[in-house]
N, C-alpha and C. Protein backbone atom coordinates (compact mmCIF):
# COMPACT_ATOMS: atom_id res chain seq x y z
N SER A 1 27.69 24.38 4.94
CA SER A 1 28.26 23.16 4.39
C SER A 1 27.45 22.75 3.17
N ILE A 2 28.12 22.08 2.27
CA ILE A 2 27.48 21.56 1.06
C ILE A 2 27.70 20.06 1.04
N SER A 3 26.65 19.33 0.69
CA SER A 3 26.79 17.87 0.58
C SER A 3 26.08 17.39 -0.68
N ALA A 4 26.59 16.31 -1.22
CA ALA A 4 25.99 15.69 -2.41
C ALA A 4 25.98 14.19 -2.21
N VAL A 5 24.91 13.57 -2.70
CA VAL A 5 24.79 12.12 -2.64
C VAL A 5 24.43 11.63 -4.03
N GLU A 6 25.17 10.65 -4.51
CA GLU A 6 24.90 10.04 -5.81
C GLU A 6 24.40 8.62 -5.56
N GLN A 7 23.25 8.29 -6.14
CA GLN A 7 22.68 6.95 -6.01
C GLN A 7 22.64 6.30 -7.38
N MET A 8 22.98 5.01 -7.43
CA MET A 8 22.93 4.26 -8.68
C MET A 8 22.26 2.92 -8.40
N ASN A 9 21.37 2.52 -9.30
CA ASN A 9 20.66 1.24 -9.18
C ASN A 9 20.66 0.61 -10.56
N SER A 10 21.06 -0.65 -10.63
CA SER A 10 21.18 -1.32 -11.93
C SER A 10 19.84 -1.72 -12.52
N GLY A 11 18.75 -1.46 -11.85
CA GLY A 11 17.43 -1.82 -12.35
C GLY A 11 16.91 -3.07 -11.66
N SER A 12 15.60 -3.21 -11.63
CA SER A 12 14.97 -4.36 -10.98
C SER A 12 14.53 -5.38 -12.03
N PRO A 13 14.69 -6.66 -11.72
CA PRO A 13 14.29 -7.69 -12.69
C PRO A 13 12.79 -7.93 -12.71
N TYR A 14 12.30 -8.36 -13.87
CA TYR A 14 10.91 -8.80 -14.00
C TYR A 14 10.85 -9.85 -15.10
N PHE A 15 9.69 -10.44 -15.32
CA PHE A 15 9.58 -11.61 -16.18
C PHE A 15 8.27 -11.61 -16.94
N ALA A 16 8.12 -12.59 -17.82
CA ALA A 16 6.87 -12.78 -18.57
C ALA A 16 6.20 -14.05 -18.05
N ALA A 17 4.99 -13.89 -17.53
CA ALA A 17 4.19 -15.02 -17.05
C ALA A 17 2.75 -14.77 -17.49
N GLY A 18 2.04 -15.85 -17.76
CA GLY A 18 0.66 -15.70 -18.21
C GLY A 18 -0.17 -16.89 -17.81
N PRO A 19 -1.49 -16.79 -17.99
CA PRO A 19 -2.39 -17.86 -17.56
C PRO A 19 -2.43 -19.02 -18.56
N VAL A 20 -2.42 -20.24 -18.02
CA VAL A 20 -2.64 -21.45 -18.83
C VAL A 20 -3.67 -22.32 -18.12
N ASN A 21 -4.38 -23.12 -18.88
CA ASN A 21 -5.37 -24.04 -18.33
C ASN A 21 -4.77 -25.45 -18.34
N PRO A 22 -4.38 -25.99 -17.18
CA PRO A 22 -3.74 -27.31 -17.15
C PRO A 22 -4.73 -28.49 -17.17
N ILE A 23 -6.03 -28.24 -16.98
CA ILE A 23 -7.00 -29.33 -16.82
C ILE A 23 -7.00 -30.32 -17.98
N PRO A 24 -6.96 -29.90 -19.26
CA PRO A 24 -6.98 -30.90 -20.33
C PRO A 24 -5.77 -31.84 -20.31
N TYR A 25 -4.70 -31.48 -19.61
CA TYR A 25 -3.47 -32.26 -19.62
C TYR A 25 -3.19 -32.97 -18.30
N VAL A 26 -4.08 -32.82 -17.32
CA VAL A 26 -3.89 -33.43 -16.00
C VAL A 26 -4.30 -34.89 -16.06
N THR A 27 -3.36 -35.77 -15.68
CA THR A 27 -3.68 -37.20 -15.65
C THR A 27 -4.13 -37.64 -14.27
N ASN A 28 -3.78 -36.88 -13.26
CA ASN A 28 -4.32 -37.09 -11.92
C ASN A 28 -4.59 -35.72 -11.31
N THR A 29 -5.20 -35.66 -10.20
CA THR A 29 -5.62 -34.36 -9.65
C THR A 29 -4.61 -33.76 -8.69
N PHE A 30 -3.44 -34.37 -8.54
CA PHE A 30 -2.39 -33.84 -7.65
C PHE A 30 -2.92 -33.56 -6.25
N GLY A 31 -3.90 -34.33 -5.81
CA GLY A 31 -4.45 -34.16 -4.48
C GLY A 31 -5.57 -33.14 -4.39
N TYR A 32 -5.89 -32.46 -5.49
CA TYR A 32 -6.99 -31.50 -5.49
C TYR A 32 -8.32 -32.24 -5.63
N GLN A 33 -9.34 -31.78 -4.94
CA GLN A 33 -10.68 -32.30 -5.16
C GLN A 33 -11.13 -31.93 -6.57
N SER A 34 -10.87 -30.67 -6.95
CA SER A 34 -11.05 -30.27 -8.34
C SER A 34 -9.87 -29.36 -8.68
N PRO A 35 -9.04 -29.73 -9.67
CA PRO A 35 -7.84 -28.94 -9.98
C PRO A 35 -8.21 -27.55 -10.52
N PRO A 36 -7.30 -26.57 -10.35
CA PRO A 36 -7.58 -25.22 -10.84
C PRO A 36 -7.65 -25.20 -12.36
N ASN A 37 -8.54 -24.37 -12.89
CA ASN A 37 -8.67 -24.29 -14.35
C ASN A 37 -7.78 -23.21 -14.95
N GLN A 38 -6.99 -22.53 -14.11
CA GLN A 38 -6.06 -21.54 -14.62
C GLN A 38 -4.88 -21.45 -13.65
N ALA A 39 -3.68 -21.44 -14.20
CA ALA A 39 -2.47 -21.32 -13.38
C ALA A 39 -1.50 -20.40 -14.09
N ALA A 40 -0.65 -19.74 -13.31
CA ALA A 40 0.38 -18.87 -13.89
C ALA A 40 1.52 -19.73 -14.41
N TYR A 41 1.96 -19.42 -15.61
CA TYR A 41 3.07 -20.15 -16.23
C TYR A 41 4.17 -19.13 -16.54
N PHE A 42 5.40 -19.43 -16.12
CA PHE A 42 6.53 -18.53 -16.37
C PHE A 42 7.13 -18.86 -17.73
N PHE A 43 7.00 -17.95 -18.69
CA PHE A 43 7.50 -18.16 -20.03
C PHE A 43 8.97 -17.80 -20.15
N THR A 44 9.47 -16.96 -19.26
CA THR A 44 10.88 -16.55 -19.27
C THR A 44 11.46 -16.80 -17.89
N ASP A 45 12.76 -16.66 -17.78
CA ASP A 45 13.39 -16.69 -16.46
C ASP A 45 12.83 -15.53 -15.65
N ARG A 46 12.91 -15.66 -14.35
CA ARG A 46 12.31 -14.62 -13.49
C ARG A 46 13.08 -13.31 -13.53
N ASP A 47 14.27 -13.31 -14.09
CA ASP A 47 15.03 -12.06 -14.23
C ASP A 47 15.38 -11.79 -15.70
N ALA A 48 14.48 -12.17 -16.61
CA ALA A 48 14.74 -12.03 -18.05
C ALA A 48 14.77 -10.58 -18.51
N PHE A 49 14.06 -9.71 -17.83
CA PHE A 49 14.00 -8.29 -18.20
C PHE A 49 14.41 -7.45 -17.00
N ARG A 50 14.83 -6.22 -17.24
CA ARG A 50 15.20 -5.29 -16.17
C ARG A 50 14.62 -3.92 -16.45
N THR A 51 14.27 -3.22 -15.37
CA THR A 51 13.89 -1.82 -15.53
C THR A 51 15.16 -1.04 -15.87
N ASP A 52 14.99 0.24 -16.17
CA ASP A 52 16.13 1.09 -16.51
C ASP A 52 17.12 1.17 -15.34
N SER A 53 18.36 1.44 -15.66
CA SER A 53 19.32 1.79 -14.61
C SER A 53 18.92 3.17 -14.10
N VAL A 54 18.97 3.34 -12.80
CA VAL A 54 18.50 4.58 -12.18
C VAL A 54 19.69 5.32 -11.57
N TYR A 55 19.82 6.59 -11.93
CA TYR A 55 20.85 7.47 -11.36
C TYR A 55 20.15 8.67 -10.75
N ARG A 56 20.63 9.07 -9.59
CA ARG A 56 20.02 10.22 -8.92
C ARG A 56 21.09 10.96 -8.13
N THR A 57 21.13 12.26 -8.29
CA THR A 57 22.05 13.11 -7.55
C THR A 57 21.24 14.04 -6.67
N ASP A 58 21.52 14.02 -5.37
CA ASP A 58 20.86 14.91 -4.41
C ASP A 58 21.90 15.89 -3.89
N LEU A 59 21.47 17.11 -3.64
CA LEU A 59 22.37 18.16 -3.19
C LEU A 59 21.72 18.87 -2.00
N ALA A 60 22.53 19.21 -1.01
CA ALA A 60 22.03 19.95 0.16
C ALA A 60 23.03 21.05 0.53
N VAL A 61 22.49 22.19 0.89
CA VAL A 61 23.30 23.31 1.37
C VAL A 61 22.76 23.68 2.75
N ASN A 62 23.66 23.70 3.73
CA ASN A 62 23.28 24.01 5.11
C ASN A 62 24.05 25.25 5.58
N TYR A 63 23.34 26.12 6.29
CA TYR A 63 23.99 27.29 6.87
C TYR A 63 23.46 27.45 8.29
N GLY A 64 24.39 27.61 9.24
CA GLY A 64 24.01 27.82 10.63
C GLY A 64 24.54 29.16 11.14
N TYR A 65 23.72 29.83 11.95
CA TYR A 65 24.11 31.13 12.50
C TYR A 65 23.90 31.09 14.01
N ARG A 66 24.99 31.26 14.76
CA ARG A 66 24.89 31.27 16.22
C ARG A 66 24.23 32.56 16.70
N LEU A 67 23.28 32.40 17.60
CA LEU A 67 22.60 33.57 18.18
C LEU A 67 23.50 34.15 19.26
N PRO A 68 23.86 35.43 19.13
CA PRO A 68 24.79 36.03 20.10
C PRO A 68 24.23 36.05 21.53
N SER A 69 22.92 36.21 21.68
CA SER A 69 22.35 36.30 23.02
C SER A 69 22.25 34.93 23.70
N LEU A 70 22.21 33.84 22.92
CA LEU A 70 22.14 32.49 23.47
C LEU A 70 23.31 31.68 22.92
N ALA A 71 24.35 31.52 23.72
CA ALA A 71 25.61 30.95 23.25
C ALA A 71 25.47 29.53 22.71
N THR A 72 24.52 28.78 23.20
CA THR A 72 24.40 27.39 22.74
C THR A 72 23.33 27.21 21.68
N SER A 73 22.69 28.28 21.26
CA SER A 73 21.62 28.18 20.27
C SER A 73 22.08 28.64 18.89
N GLU A 74 21.42 28.10 17.89
CA GLU A 74 21.78 28.40 16.52
C GLU A 74 20.54 28.35 15.65
N VAL A 75 20.42 29.28 14.73
CA VAL A 75 19.39 29.24 13.70
C VAL A 75 20.04 28.59 12.48
N PHE A 76 19.32 27.65 11.84
CA PHE A 76 19.90 27.03 10.65
C PHE A 76 18.93 27.11 9.48
N PHE A 77 19.51 27.11 8.32
CA PHE A 77 18.78 27.13 7.06
C PHE A 77 19.30 25.96 6.23
N GLN A 78 18.41 25.24 5.62
CA GLN A 78 18.82 24.12 4.79
C GLN A 78 18.01 24.13 3.49
N PHE A 79 18.72 23.97 2.39
CA PHE A 79 18.08 23.88 1.08
C PHE A 79 18.51 22.56 0.46
N GLN A 80 17.53 21.77 -0.01
CA GLN A 80 17.83 20.47 -0.62
C GLN A 80 17.21 20.39 -2.01
N VAL A 81 17.92 19.73 -2.89
CA VAL A 81 17.39 19.40 -4.22
C VAL A 81 17.56 17.90 -4.38
N TRP A 82 16.45 17.21 -4.61
CA TRP A 82 16.47 15.77 -4.86
C TRP A 82 16.37 15.55 -6.36
N ASN A 83 17.13 14.63 -6.89
CA ASN A 83 17.17 14.33 -8.32
C ASN A 83 17.54 15.60 -9.10
N LEU A 84 18.69 16.14 -8.76
CA LEU A 84 19.17 17.41 -9.30
C LEU A 84 19.08 17.50 -10.82
N PHE A 85 19.43 16.42 -11.53
CA PHE A 85 19.45 16.45 -13.00
C PHE A 85 18.15 15.94 -13.61
N ASN A 86 17.14 15.76 -12.78
CA ASN A 86 15.78 15.39 -13.21
C ASN A 86 15.75 14.14 -14.11
N GLN A 87 16.47 13.11 -13.68
CA GLN A 87 16.45 11.84 -14.39
C GLN A 87 15.04 11.26 -14.33
N ASP A 88 14.64 10.48 -15.34
CA ASP A 88 13.25 9.98 -15.37
C ASP A 88 13.17 8.51 -15.76
N ALA A 89 14.03 7.70 -15.20
CA ALA A 89 14.06 6.27 -15.52
C ALA A 89 12.86 5.54 -14.92
N ILE A 90 12.45 4.46 -15.59
CA ILE A 90 11.44 3.58 -15.02
C ILE A 90 12.12 2.78 -13.92
N ALA A 91 11.58 2.87 -12.70
CA ALA A 91 12.26 2.29 -11.55
C ALA A 91 11.43 1.28 -10.77
N ASP A 92 10.12 1.26 -10.93
CA ASP A 92 9.26 0.44 -10.09
C ASP A 92 8.55 -0.63 -10.91
N VAL A 93 8.93 -1.90 -10.72
CA VAL A 93 8.32 -2.99 -11.48
C VAL A 93 6.86 -3.21 -11.14
N ASN A 94 6.40 -2.69 -10.02
CA ASN A 94 5.00 -2.86 -9.64
C ASN A 94 4.07 -1.93 -10.43
N ASN A 95 4.62 -1.00 -11.17
CA ASN A 95 3.81 -0.05 -11.93
C ASN A 95 4.13 -0.05 -13.41
N ILE A 96 4.61 -1.18 -13.93
CA ILE A 96 4.82 -1.31 -15.36
C ILE A 96 3.90 -2.38 -15.91
N ASP A 97 3.67 -2.33 -17.21
CA ASP A 97 2.80 -3.32 -17.87
C ASP A 97 3.61 -4.60 -18.10
N VAL A 98 3.13 -5.70 -17.57
CA VAL A 98 3.78 -7.00 -17.77
C VAL A 98 2.79 -8.00 -18.39
N THR A 99 1.88 -7.48 -19.21
CA THR A 99 0.86 -8.32 -19.84
C THR A 99 1.53 -9.32 -20.78
N THR A 100 1.25 -10.59 -20.52
CA THR A 100 1.72 -11.67 -21.38
C THR A 100 0.48 -12.40 -21.88
N ARG A 101 0.35 -12.52 -23.18
CA ARG A 101 -0.87 -13.08 -23.77
C ARG A 101 -0.73 -14.57 -24.03
N THR A 102 -1.84 -15.28 -23.81
CA THR A 102 -1.94 -16.71 -24.11
C THR A 102 -3.33 -16.98 -24.66
N ARG A 103 -3.52 -18.13 -25.24
CA ARG A 103 -4.87 -18.50 -25.70
C ARG A 103 -5.79 -18.62 -24.50
N ASP A 104 -5.31 -19.20 -23.39
CA ASP A 104 -6.14 -19.34 -22.19
C ASP A 104 -6.44 -18.00 -21.55
N GLY A 105 -5.67 -16.98 -21.88
CA GLY A 105 -5.93 -15.63 -21.40
C GLY A 105 -6.81 -14.83 -22.34
N GLY A 106 -7.28 -15.44 -23.43
CA GLY A 106 -8.23 -14.78 -24.32
C GLY A 106 -7.71 -14.38 -25.68
N THR A 107 -6.44 -14.66 -26.01
CA THR A 107 -5.91 -14.30 -27.32
C THR A 107 -6.04 -15.50 -28.25
N THR A 108 -7.03 -15.48 -29.11
CA THR A 108 -7.35 -16.64 -29.94
C THR A 108 -6.33 -16.90 -31.04
N ALA A 109 -5.49 -15.95 -31.38
CA ALA A 109 -4.49 -16.17 -32.42
C ALA A 109 -3.36 -17.08 -31.96
N LEU A 110 -3.25 -17.33 -30.66
CA LEU A 110 -2.20 -18.19 -30.12
C LEU A 110 -2.74 -19.60 -29.90
N THR A 111 -1.86 -20.59 -29.95
CA THR A 111 -2.30 -21.98 -29.77
C THR A 111 -2.00 -22.46 -28.35
N THR A 112 -2.84 -23.37 -27.89
CA THR A 112 -2.63 -23.94 -26.56
C THR A 112 -1.44 -24.91 -26.60
N PHE A 113 -0.95 -25.24 -25.42
CA PHE A 113 0.17 -26.18 -25.31
C PHE A 113 0.03 -26.93 -24.00
N ASN A 114 0.67 -28.07 -23.92
CA ASN A 114 0.67 -28.86 -22.70
C ASN A 114 1.75 -28.29 -21.78
N PRO A 115 1.38 -27.66 -20.67
CA PRO A 115 2.39 -27.02 -19.81
C PRO A 115 3.28 -28.03 -19.09
N PHE A 116 2.92 -29.31 -19.12
CA PHE A 116 3.72 -30.34 -18.44
C PHE A 116 4.78 -30.96 -19.35
N THR A 117 4.57 -30.94 -20.65
CA THR A 117 5.50 -31.64 -21.55
C THR A 117 6.03 -30.80 -22.69
N THR A 118 5.43 -29.66 -22.98
CA THR A 118 5.80 -28.86 -24.15
C THR A 118 6.51 -27.58 -23.73
N THR A 119 7.55 -27.23 -24.46
CA THR A 119 8.19 -25.93 -24.26
C THR A 119 7.46 -24.93 -25.16
N PRO A 120 6.78 -23.95 -24.57
CA PRO A 120 6.00 -23.01 -25.39
C PRO A 120 6.90 -22.11 -26.23
N GLN A 121 6.43 -21.78 -27.42
CA GLN A 121 7.17 -20.93 -28.35
C GLN A 121 6.56 -19.53 -28.36
N ARG A 122 7.44 -18.54 -28.29
CA ARG A 122 6.99 -17.15 -28.33
C ARG A 122 6.33 -16.86 -29.67
N ASP A 123 5.25 -16.12 -29.63
CA ASP A 123 4.43 -15.72 -30.78
C ASP A 123 3.68 -16.88 -31.43
N ILE A 124 3.78 -18.07 -30.86
CA ILE A 124 2.96 -19.21 -31.27
C ILE A 124 2.05 -19.60 -30.11
N ASN A 125 2.66 -19.82 -28.93
CA ASN A 125 1.89 -20.19 -27.74
C ASN A 125 1.71 -19.03 -26.77
N TRP A 126 2.56 -18.05 -26.83
CA TRP A 126 2.48 -16.90 -25.93
C TRP A 126 3.11 -15.68 -26.63
N ALA A 127 2.73 -14.50 -26.17
CA ALA A 127 3.27 -13.26 -26.74
C ALA A 127 3.27 -12.17 -25.68
N LEU A 128 4.23 -11.28 -25.79
CA LEU A 128 4.26 -10.12 -24.90
C LEU A 128 3.20 -9.14 -25.35
N GLY A 129 2.53 -8.51 -24.40
CA GLY A 129 1.54 -7.49 -24.72
C GLY A 129 2.20 -6.32 -25.44
N PRO A 130 1.44 -5.51 -26.17
CA PRO A 130 2.03 -4.41 -26.94
C PRO A 130 2.70 -3.35 -26.08
N ASN A 131 2.33 -3.25 -24.81
CA ASN A 131 2.94 -2.25 -23.93
C ASN A 131 3.84 -2.88 -22.87
N PHE A 132 4.24 -4.11 -23.07
CA PHE A 132 5.06 -4.83 -22.10
C PHE A 132 6.31 -4.03 -21.76
N GLY A 133 6.56 -3.83 -20.47
CA GLY A 133 7.74 -3.11 -20.01
C GLY A 133 7.60 -1.60 -19.95
N THR A 134 6.43 -1.07 -20.33
CA THR A 134 6.24 0.39 -20.29
C THR A 134 5.50 0.79 -19.02
N ALA A 135 5.60 2.05 -18.67
CA ALA A 135 4.97 2.56 -17.45
C ALA A 135 3.45 2.53 -17.57
N ARG A 136 2.78 2.06 -16.51
CA ARG A 136 1.31 2.12 -16.46
C ARG A 136 0.84 3.45 -15.91
N ASN A 137 1.66 4.08 -15.08
CA ASN A 137 1.30 5.36 -14.47
C ASN A 137 2.58 6.08 -14.04
N ARG A 138 2.43 7.25 -13.48
CA ARG A 138 3.59 8.07 -13.11
C ARG A 138 4.41 7.46 -11.99
N ASN A 139 3.80 6.55 -11.22
CA ASN A 139 4.51 5.92 -10.10
C ASN A 139 5.58 4.94 -10.56
N ALA A 140 5.62 4.60 -11.83
CA ALA A 140 6.65 3.71 -12.34
C ALA A 140 8.01 4.41 -12.41
N TYR A 141 8.00 5.73 -12.51
CA TYR A 141 9.24 6.49 -12.67
C TYR A 141 9.84 6.88 -11.34
N GLN A 142 11.14 7.11 -11.34
CA GLN A 142 11.78 7.63 -10.14
C GLN A 142 11.22 9.01 -9.84
N ILE A 143 11.42 9.48 -8.61
CA ILE A 143 10.84 10.77 -8.24
C ILE A 143 11.42 11.88 -9.12
N PRO A 144 10.60 12.84 -9.51
CA PRO A 144 11.12 13.97 -10.30
C PRO A 144 11.92 14.91 -9.40
N ARG A 145 12.54 15.90 -10.00
CA ARG A 145 13.29 16.89 -9.21
C ARG A 145 12.35 17.52 -8.18
N GLN A 146 12.83 17.60 -6.96
CA GLN A 146 12.05 18.20 -5.87
C GLN A 146 12.95 19.11 -5.06
N TYR A 147 12.35 20.13 -4.50
CA TYR A 147 13.07 21.10 -3.68
C TYR A 147 12.49 21.09 -2.28
N ARG A 148 13.35 21.31 -1.29
CA ARG A 148 12.87 21.43 0.08
C ARG A 148 13.71 22.48 0.79
N PHE A 149 13.03 23.33 1.52
CA PHE A 149 13.71 24.39 2.28
C PHE A 149 13.28 24.28 3.73
N SER A 150 14.26 24.31 4.64
CA SER A 150 13.96 24.19 6.07
C SER A 150 14.64 25.30 6.83
N VAL A 151 13.95 25.75 7.88
CA VAL A 151 14.51 26.71 8.83
C VAL A 151 14.22 26.15 10.22
N GLY A 152 15.20 26.26 11.09
CA GLY A 152 14.99 25.74 12.44
C GLY A 152 15.92 26.38 13.45
N ILE A 153 15.71 26.02 14.70
CA ILE A 153 16.55 26.48 15.79
C ILE A 153 17.09 25.27 16.53
N ARG A 154 18.39 25.22 16.73
CA ARG A 154 19.02 24.19 17.54
C ARG A 154 19.36 24.81 18.89
N PHE A 155 19.04 24.11 19.94
CA PHE A 155 19.37 24.63 21.28
C PHE A 155 19.75 23.52 22.20
């Protein structure tokens, strides 16, 4: 028997967030004994960016041979190919660069802003890192083409 499976994924969402220092703008401590000097600020919607759309075709070929001496037993052979067309889309948001720069994060060319009252402007108050959205390592990509061969006995 021959079987094929096609998988499609529209991509996973990710966003731009970076560190800001709220202390200069805090008028009360919000119940903190000492407020945090750094907090994550979301500069974009949480689904502003998406990884690549991922397509994968898997193929399997199975062959079974009944053993004449044992009527209920069978030897089988199976060959599988995963990601038949060797697609290489970025699929894992946990392994991509999402560096977002701010003055509080160490980029002096950017200006600070009041996170409570000001809408930050891109490339003035915050900027995407030069590798934003790119793979940090091989684990960001979908699995490459792989082969598997199995032999077994069913009884």
